[in-house]
Amino acid sequence: MKKYQVAELNELLNDSPREAVQQAEEVYADSLKAVAEEICEQSAQKPIVFIAGTSGSSKTTTALRLAEYIEQMGHRAYALSMDDYFLNNDECQAIFDGGEIDYESPLCVDRKLLGEHMQKMARHEMIEIPQFDFVKQCRKNEGEILTCKDGDIVIIEGIHGLNPLITADYSDLAAKIYVELQACVVDEETEICSDKLRMLRRIMRDSRFRGHTVERTVAYCTKLSQGEQKFILPFVEKADWRVNTFLDYELNIYRNDILALFAPLAVDFKNEWGLDEIGRLLENLRFLPLEYAPKDSLVREFTGESSLKY
């Protein structure tokens, strides 16, 4: 795992911020283009691609950008979300026998419907893609109609894209990608590594798009970690490719927003979760305005103002 010194990140931006951003974006883009090329080469045998990853790893942006590169290589590509295949809330309650529903469990995915759709897509038959309403915790009545043709590639992103409960019966049809954030940002006193970096991404996204407090997001990340250990991380080695989504300028973009969100938090809470140390490190980073990030950058999955349709 690469370590980035705060002084090193600041120096990159001091010299030429636009060039530094471009170089970081090119590293990510080149990794996706290399994967897209291999996916296209084997599309006749494996027309479906699963993208898995932990929360905050940027699965959605990776799926959308990968679809764009695949289309540039001459194939039609569709990016679907496994979240739309969630079971209705009453069905989940039945599975968990009236107890607390573990929404991180693959048992909450309608595996039967997803399996039927994968087989139909491979046979170029029409399917109706479900749309899940997370407010009402149930599927909408109508979904999008999709009919794949020869050479088309379907990308399905979701946390359980490597879990055998979901994919084992369809391994002959599907390639698999694991998306991760592998990096550490350090100074003399503090390290912010993968889990905490993903937490900062979630804090940005949850505060902007879901109205969640920092306290709620931090507590939920703890619960997410338990689910990741059970349902995601044991299957990482099943991936055909691994893609690191860390951009070495992204913390500079988040800096001011995160510090503003941390400011009103209780001292005891910040100390308990290590947010005081994270805040001190962020204060030493140079701030970079969002305008420096390209409109299709994965940074904008967490900040907003993206040209991609999430």
Protein backbone atom coordinates (compact mmCIF):
# COMPACT_ATOMS: atom_id res chain seq x y z
CA MET A 1 0.00 0.00 0.00
CA LYS A 2 1.49 3.32 -1.07
CA LYS A 3 2.01 6.01 1.55
CA TYR A 4 1.63 9.67 0.65
CA GLN A 5 3.30 12.30 2.80
CA VAL A 6 1.24 15.45 3.37
CA ALA A 7 4.23 17.56 2.33
CA GLU A 8 4.53 15.52 -0.87
CA LEU A 9 0.87 16.05 -1.80
CA ASN A 10 1.12 19.77 -1.12
CA GLU A 11 4.27 20.05 -3.23
CA LEU A 12 2.55 18.40 -6.20
CA LEU A 13 -0.21 21.00 -6.08
CA ASN A 14 2.14 23.91 -5.46
CA ASP A 15 4.03 23.31 -8.70
CA SER A 16 1.11 22.82 -11.08
CA PRO A 17 -2.28 21.80 -9.63
CA ARG A 18 -3.96 21.16 -12.97
CA GLU A 19 -1.11 18.95 -14.14
CA ALA A 20 -1.12 17.05 -10.83
CA VAL A 21 -4.87 16.44 -11.12
CA GLN A 22 -4.52 15.32 -14.73
CA GLN A 23 -1.78 12.84 -13.86
CA ALA A 24 -3.82 11.33 -11.02
CA GLU A 25 -6.87 11.01 -13.27
CA GLU A 26 -4.80 9.37 -16.00
CA VAL A 27 -3.53 6.67 -13.64
CA TYR A 28 -7.11 5.72 -12.76
CA ALA A 29 -8.34 6.00 -16.36
CA ASP A 30 -5.47 3.92 -17.74
CA SER A 31 -6.21 1.12 -15.26
CA LEU A 32 -9.85 1.06 -16.38
CA LYS A 33 -8.96 1.17 -20.08
CA ALA A 34 -6.66 -1.84 -19.66
CA VAL A 35 -9.46 -3.78 -17.96
CA ALA A 36 -11.99 -2.66 -20.59
CA GLU A 37 -9.75 -3.96 -23.37
CA GLU A 38 -9.56 -7.42 -21.80
CA ILE A 39 -13.30 -7.45 -21.12
CA CYS A 40 -13.99 -6.70 -24.79
CA GLU A 41 -11.64 -9.49 -25.90
CA GLN A 42 -13.58 -12.09 -23.91
CA SER A 43 -17.06 -10.61 -24.30
CA ALA A 44 -18.33 -13.49 -26.43
CA GLN A 45 -17.73 -15.90 -23.55
CA LYS A 46 -18.37 -13.49 -20.67
CA PRO A 47 -20.84 -10.75 -21.63
CA ILE A 48 -21.49 -9.85 -17.97
CA VAL A 49 -19.11 -8.02 -15.63
CA PHE A 50 -19.54 -7.86 -11.86
CA ILE A 51 -17.96 -4.94 -10.01
CA ALA A 52 -17.67 -5.48 -6.27
CA GLY A 53 -16.15 -3.38 -3.52
CA THR A 54 -16.68 -2.03 -0.06
CA SER A 55 -18.76 1.07 0.66
CA GLY A 56 -17.06 4.25 -0.48
CA SER A 57 -14.73 2.49 -2.92
CA SER A 58 -16.37 4.22 -5.92
CA LYS A 59 -18.02 1.21 -7.54
CA THR A 60 -20.63 3.35 -9.27
CA THR A 61 -18.23 5.76 -10.96
CA THR A 62 -16.01 2.85 -11.94
CA ALA A 63 -18.98 1.09 -13.57
CA LEU A 64 -20.03 4.21 -15.48
CA ARG A 65 -16.53 5.09 -16.63
CA LEU A 66 -15.80 1.47 -17.59
CA ALA A 67 -18.98 1.43 -19.69
CA GLU A 68 -17.78 4.54 -21.52
CA TYR A 69 -14.40 2.99 -22.35
CA ILE A 70 -16.03 -0.25 -23.51
CA GLU A 71 -18.28 1.73 -25.86
CA GLN A 72 -15.26 3.60 -27.21
CA MET A 73 -13.87 0.17 -28.10
CA GLY A 74 -16.90 -0.66 -30.23
CA HIS A 75 -19.26 -2.50 -27.85
CA ARG A 76 -22.53 -1.32 -26.40
CA ALA A 77 -22.34 -1.34 -22.60
CA TYR A 78 -24.96 -1.07 -19.86
CA ALA A 79 -24.24 -0.27 -16.20
CA LEU A 80 -26.75 -1.70 -13.71
CA SER A 81 -26.87 -1.54 -9.92
CA MET A 82 -27.31 -4.68 -7.84
CA ASP A 83 -29.09 -2.47 -5.29
CA ASP A 84 -32.10 -2.46 -7.62
CA TYR A 85 -32.35 -6.22 -7.07
CA PHE A 86 -32.96 -5.85 -3.35
CA LEU A 87 -35.92 -7.77 -2.00
CA ASN A 88 -38.90 -5.81 -0.71
CA ASN A 89 -38.72 -5.06 3.00
CA ASP A 90 -41.44 -7.56 3.91
CA GLU A 91 -39.55 -10.32 2.07
CA CYS A 92 -36.36 -9.45 3.98
CA GLN A 93 -38.28 -9.54 7.26
CA ALA A 94 -39.47 -13.05 6.43
CA ILE A 95 -35.88 -14.19 5.73
CA PHE A 96 -34.67 -12.83 9.07
CA ASP A 97 -37.72 -14.26 10.86
CA GLY A 98 -38.96 -10.91 12.16
CA GLY A 99 -35.59 -9.99 13.73
CA GLU A 100 -33.29 -7.15 12.79
CA ILE A 101 -32.63 -7.17 9.05
CA ASP A 102 -28.98 -7.25 8.06
CA TYR A 103 -29.06 -5.11 4.95
CA GLU A 104 -25.40 -5.92 4.29
CA SER A 105 -26.26 -9.60 3.80
CA PRO A 106 -26.47 -11.10 0.30
CA LEU A 107 -29.71 -12.72 1.48
CA CYS A 108 -31.36 -9.33 0.90
CA VAL A 109 -30.66 -9.63 -2.85
CA ASP A 110 -33.27 -11.28 -5.06
CA ARG A 111 -30.85 -13.91 -6.28
CA LYS A 112 -33.52 -15.79 -8.25
CA LEU A 113 -34.51 -12.74 -10.31
CA LEU A 114 -30.91 -11.62 -10.81
CA GLY A 115 -29.95 -15.11 -11.99
CA GLU A 116 -32.88 -15.26 -14.42
CA HIS A 117 -31.93 -11.85 -15.82
CA MET A 118 -28.29 -12.82 -16.32
CA GLN A 119 -29.32 -15.93 -18.26
CA LYS A 120 -31.77 -13.93 -20.38
CA MET A 121 -29.23 -11.20 -21.10
CA ALA A 122 -26.74 -13.84 -22.23
CA ARG A 123 -29.43 -15.27 -24.57
CA HIS A 124 -30.31 -11.76 -25.84
CA GLU A 125 -33.83 -11.95 -24.39
CA MET A 126 -35.74 -8.93 -23.09
CA ILE A 127 -35.68 -8.15 -19.37
CA GLU A 128 -37.31 -5.49 -17.22
CA ILE A 129 -34.66 -4.04 -14.91
CA PRO A 130 -36.16 -3.45 -11.46
CA GLN A 131 -35.93 -0.09 -9.74
CA PHE A 132 -35.74 -0.11 -5.96
CA ASP A 133 -37.26 2.71 -3.91
CA PHE A 134 -35.05 3.03 -0.84
CA VAL A 135 -37.46 5.41 0.86
CA LYS A 136 -40.38 2.97 0.69
CA GLN A 137 -38.06 -0.09 0.85
CA CYS A 138 -39.75 -1.80 -2.06
CA ARG A 139 -39.56 -2.08 -5.85
CA LYS A 140 -41.28 0.37 -8.10
CA ASN A 141 -44.03 -1.01 -10.31
CA GLU A 142 -42.23 -0.38 -13.59
CA GLY A 143 -38.63 -0.83 -14.60
CA GLU A 144 -36.47 -0.14 -17.63
CA ILE A 145 -36.69 -2.55 -20.57
CA LEU A 146 -33.38 -3.92 -21.82
CA THR A 147 -32.63 -6.31 -24.66
CA CYS A 148 -28.97 -7.16 -25.20
CA LYS A 149 -27.57 -7.92 -28.62
CA ASP A 150 -24.53 -9.87 -29.71
CA GLY A 151 -21.38 -8.11 -28.49
CA ASP A 152 -23.16 -6.10 -25.79
CA ILE A 153 -21.64 -6.05 -22.31
CA VAL A 154 -23.61 -5.63 -19.08
CA ILE A 155 -21.87 -4.29 -15.97
CA ILE A 156 -23.51 -5.00 -12.61
CA GLU A 157 -22.04 -3.14 -9.63
CA GLY A 158 -22.75 -3.93 -6.01
CA ILE A 159 -21.05 -4.93 -2.80
CA HIS A 160 -21.79 -8.64 -3.37
CA GLY A 161 -20.40 -8.95 -6.88
CA LEU A 162 -17.82 -11.52 -5.75
CA ASN A 163 -19.94 -13.40 -3.21
CA PRO A 164 -20.53 -17.02 -4.29
CA LEU A 165 -24.13 -16.83 -3.08
CA ILE A 166 -24.67 -14.36 -5.92
CA THR A 167 -22.17 -15.35 -8.60
CA ALA A 168 -21.22 -19.02 -8.20
CA ASP A 169 -23.80 -20.37 -10.65
CA TYR A 170 -22.89 -17.85 -13.35
CA SER A 171 -19.10 -17.79 -13.29
CA ASP A 172 -19.04 -19.03 -16.89
CA LEU A 173 -20.92 -15.89 -17.98
CA ALA A 174 -19.27 -13.22 -15.86
CA ALA A 175 -15.93 -11.50 -15.39
CA LYS A 176 -15.26 -9.95 -11.99
CA ILE A 177 -13.62 -6.72 -10.80
CA TYR A 178 -12.81 -5.73 -7.25
CA VAL A 179 -12.69 -1.98 -6.64
CA GLU A 180 -10.71 -0.79 -3.63
CA LEU A 181 -9.10 2.24 -2.08
CA GLN A 182 -5.52 1.33 -1.26
CA ALA A 183 -3.53 4.24 0.16
CA CYS A 184 -2.27 5.93 3.32
CA VAL A 185 -1.89 9.67 3.79
CA VAL A 186 0.55 10.42 6.59
CA ASP A 187 2.31 13.18 8.46
CA GLU A 188 4.62 13.09 11.48
CA GLU A 189 1.82 12.07 13.87
CA THR A 190 -1.12 10.61 11.94
CA GLU A 191 -1.99 8.04 9.29
CA ILE A 192 -5.25 8.10 7.35
CA CYS A 193 -5.44 4.74 5.60
CA SER A 194 -7.96 2.91 3.45
CA ASP A 195 -10.87 2.46 5.89
CA LYS A 196 -10.70 6.03 7.17
CA LEU A 197 -10.29 7.43 3.67
CA ARG A 198 -13.45 5.61 2.60
CA MET A 199 -15.18 6.95 5.72
CA LEU A 200 -14.27 10.50 4.68
CA ARG A 201 -15.74 9.87 1.24
CA ARG A 202 -18.95 8.66 2.89
CA ILE A 203 -19.06 11.66 5.23
CA MET A 204 -18.85 13.94 2.20
CA ARG A 205 -21.55 12.05 0.28
CA ASP A 206 -23.90 11.42 3.20
CA SER A 207 -23.84 15.04 4.35
CA ARG A 208 -24.52 16.38 0.87
CA PHE A 209 -27.00 13.90 -0.55
CA ARG A 210 -28.60 12.07 2.38
CA GLY A 211 -28.79 14.69 5.11
CA HIS A 212 -26.85 12.47 7.53
CA THR A 213 -24.82 13.83 10.42
CA VAL A 214 -21.17 12.94 10.85
CA GLU A 215 -22.10 10.99 13.99
CA ARG A 216 -24.58 8.86 12.06
CA THR A 217 -22.15 8.15 9.22
CA VAL A 218 -19.28 7.24 11.53
CA ALA A 219 -21.48 4.86 13.53
CA TYR A 220 -22.82 3.29 10.34
CA CYS A 221 -19.29 2.79 8.98
CA THR A 222 -18.56 0.63 12.02
CA LYS A 223 -21.55 -1.55 11.18
CA LEU A 224 -20.52 -1.64 7.52
CA SER A 225 -17.08 -2.89 8.51
CA GLN A 226 -18.63 -5.91 10.21
CA GLY A 227 -20.57 -6.77 7.05
CA GLU A 228 -17.47 -6.31 4.89
CA GLN A 229 -15.53 -8.79 6.99
CA LYS A 230 -18.29 -11.38 6.58
CA PHE A 231 -19.61 -10.87 3.07
CA ILE A 232 -17.02 -9.05 0.92
CA LEU A 233 -13.38 -9.37 1.96
CA PRO A 234 -13.28 -13.20 2.10
CA PHE A 235 -13.93 -13.31 -1.67
CA VAL A 236 -11.53 -10.66 -2.98
CA GLU A 237 -9.25 -13.27 -4.54
CA LYS A 238 -12.08 -14.35 -6.85
CA ALA A 239 -11.67 -11.10 -8.81
CA ASP A 240 -10.12 -11.18 -12.27
CA TRP A 241 -8.90 -7.60 -11.82
CA ARG A 242 -8.39 -5.21 -8.92
CA VAL A 243 -8.68 -1.45 -9.42
CA ASN A 244 -7.39 1.12 -6.94
CA THR A 245 -9.59 4.23 -6.97
CA PHE A 246 -7.54 6.54 -4.74
CA LEU A 247 -6.70 9.89 -6.34
CA ASP A 248 -3.76 11.58 -4.70
CA TYR A 249 -5.44 15.00 -4.80
CA GLU A 250 -8.87 14.04 -3.47
CA LEU A 251 -8.27 14.82 0.21
CA ASN A 252 -7.25 18.33 -0.83
CA ILE A 253 -10.67 18.71 -2.43
CA TYR A 254 -12.54 17.41 0.63
CA ARG A 255 -10.41 19.35 3.13
CA ASN A 256 -12.52 22.43 3.82
CA ASP A 257 -15.86 20.62 3.84
CA ILE A 258 -14.64 17.92 6.22
CA LEU A 259 -13.09 20.44 8.61
CA ALA A 260 -16.33 22.43 8.64
CA LEU A 261 -18.31 19.27 9.42
CA PHE A 262 -15.89 18.30 12.20
CA ALA A 263 -15.88 21.75 13.85
CA PRO A 264 -19.18 21.49 15.82
CA LEU A 265 -18.61 17.90 16.96
CA ALA A 266 -18.19 17.15 20.65
CA VAL A 267 -14.56 16.81 21.73
CA ASP A 268 -15.20 13.41 23.33
CA PHE A 269 -16.76 12.09 20.12
CA LYS A 270 -13.85 13.30 18.00
CA ASN A 271 -11.34 11.76 20.38
CA GLU A 272 -13.22 8.45 20.51
CA TRP A 273 -13.22 8.01 16.74
CA GLY A 274 -9.87 9.61 15.96
CA LEU A 275 -11.46 12.52 14.12
CA ASP A 276 -9.31 15.01 16.02
CA GLU A 277 -6.17 13.44 14.52
CA ILE A 278 -7.72 13.33 11.06
CA GLY A 279 -8.67 16.99 11.40
CA ARG A 280 -5.13 17.97 12.36
CA LEU A 281 -3.73 16.21 9.30
CA LEU A 282 -6.30 17.84 7.01
CA GLU A 283 -5.41 21.27 8.36
CA ASN A 284 -1.87 20.72 7.05
CA LEU A 285 -3.10 19.91 3.55
CA ARG A 286 -3.40 22.60 0.93
CA PHE A 287 -7.03 23.16 -0.10
CA LEU A 288 -7.88 22.55 -3.75
CA PRO A 289 -11.21 23.90 -5.10
CA LEU A 290 -13.58 21.41 -6.72
CA GLU A 291 -13.33 23.21 -10.05
CA TYR A 292 -9.94 21.54 -10.58
CA ALA A 293 -11.55 18.08 -10.69
CA PRO A 294 -12.84 16.96 -14.11
CA LYS A 295 -16.62 16.76 -14.40
CA ASP A 296 -16.49 12.96 -14.67
CA SER A 297 -13.98 12.50 -11.83
CA LEU A 298 -14.82 9.92 -9.19
CA VAL A 299 -14.30 12.71 -6.64
CA ARG A 300 -17.64 14.12 -7.76
CA GLU A 301 -19.43 10.92 -6.75
CA PHE A 302 -18.89 12.24 -3.22
CA THR A 303 -18.97 16.02 -3.76
CA GLY A 304 -21.66 16.36 -6.42
CA GLU A 305 -21.69 18.43 -9.62
CA SER A 306 -20.77 15.43 -11.79
CA SER A 307 -21.42 15.00 -15.50
CA LEU A 308 -22.15 11.32 -14.84
CA LYS A 309 -25.71 10.20 -14.11
CA TYR A 310 -25.76 8.34 -10.80
